[in-house]
Amino acid sequence: MQNIMKPLPLAAIILIVLGIVALTYQGITSTTTEKAFDFGPIQITAEQTHTIPMVPVLGVIALVGGVVLFVATRRKA
């Protein structure tokens, strides 16, 4: 017989993992390269770093919500 995970405990685990990731990484950083100067054979490029900040409160909310959901589904079973 297969042991298939029910949707609520799976959602709880996903929320817990997302909460931990959001608290661990304070933002997502990416680097882009752009042409700063282009005059015939002379080219100058510049790298720019872009950061999308993550609010730590969202990580805490996801983590606490996942734990509460996980505990609630365990008490039902």
Protein backbone atom coordinates (compact mmCIF):
# COMPACT_ATOMS: atom_id res chain seq x y z
CA MET A 1 0.00 0.00 0.00
CA GLN A 2 1.35 3.42 -0.93
CA ASN A 3 1.83 6.12 1.66
CA ILE A 4 0.70 9.30 -0.09
CA MET A 5 1.20 12.55 1.79
CA LYS A 6 -1.94 14.57 2.43
CA PRO A 7 -2.05 18.16 1.14
CA LEU A 8 -2.15 20.00 4.50
CA PRO A 9 1.00 18.44 6.02
CA LEU A 10 2.78 18.95 2.69
CA ALA A 11 1.72 22.63 2.65
CA ALA A 12 2.95 22.96 6.24
CA ILE A 13 6.36 21.54 5.35
CA ILE A 14 6.60 23.85 2.32
CA LEU A 15 5.76 26.87 4.51
CA ILE A 16 8.39 25.86 7.06
CA VAL A 17 11.06 25.47 4.38
CA LEU A 18 10.12 28.78 2.73
CA GLY A 19 10.22 30.52 6.11
CA ILE A 20 13.70 29.17 6.85
CA VAL A 21 14.94 30.17 3.38
CA ALA A 22 13.46 33.67 3.74
CA LEU A 23 15.17 34.12 7.11
CA THR A 24 18.49 32.72 5.87
CA TYR A 25 18.70 34.79 2.70
CA GLN A 26 17.84 38.42 3.36
CA GLY A 27 17.35 39.13 -0.33
CA ILE A 28 17.85 37.95 -3.89
CA THR A 29 20.83 39.48 -5.71
CA SER A 30 21.46 39.48 -9.44
CA THR A 31 24.16 41.08 -11.56
CA THR A 32 23.63 42.49 -15.04
CA THR A 33 26.21 43.71 -17.56
CA GLU A 34 25.36 46.81 -19.58
CA LYS A 35 27.21 48.76 -22.24
CA ALA A 36 28.30 52.03 -20.68
CA PHE A 37 30.14 53.36 -23.75
CA ASP A 38 30.18 52.15 -27.33
CA PHE A 39 32.16 54.10 -29.92
CA GLY A 40 33.20 51.92 -32.84
CA PRO A 41 35.83 49.42 -31.70
CA ILE A 42 35.95 50.91 -28.20
CA GLN A 43 33.44 49.39 -25.80
CA ILE A 44 33.15 49.83 -22.07
CA THR A 45 30.79 47.68 -20.03
CA ALA A 46 29.62 48.11 -16.47
CA GLU A 47 28.26 45.53 -14.06
CA GLN A 48 25.31 46.52 -11.92
CA THR A 49 24.10 44.61 -8.90
CA HIS A 50 20.36 44.54 -8.23
CA THR A 51 18.96 43.37 -4.90
CA ILE A 52 15.36 42.45 -4.18
CA PRO A 53 15.03 42.62 -0.39
CA MET A 54 12.97 40.10 1.58
CA VAL A 55 11.22 41.25 4.69
CA PRO A 56 12.19 39.01 7.65
CA VAL A 57 8.67 39.33 9.05
CA LEU A 58 7.34 37.33 6.09
CA GLY A 59 9.82 34.56 6.85
CA VAL A 60 8.74 34.45 10.49
CA ILE A 61 5.05 34.42 9.50
CA ALA A 62 5.62 31.56 7.03
CA LEU A 63 7.65 29.58 9.57
CA VAL A 64 5.16 30.03 12.42
CA GLY A 65 2.21 29.37 10.11
CA GLY A 66 3.83 26.17 8.85
CA VAL A 67 4.53 24.93 12.36
CA VAL A 68 0.98 25.72 13.52
CA LEU A 69 -0.51 24.02 10.46
CA PHE A 70 1.72 20.98 10.93
CA VAL A 71 0.82 20.63 14.62
CA ALA A 72 -2.90 21.10 13.85
CA THR A 73 -2.85 18.36 11.20
CA ARG A 74 -0.99 16.00 13.53
CA ARG A 75 -3.56 16.47 16.30
CA LYS A 76 -6.40 15.58 13.88
CA ALA A 77 -4.74 12.32 12.86
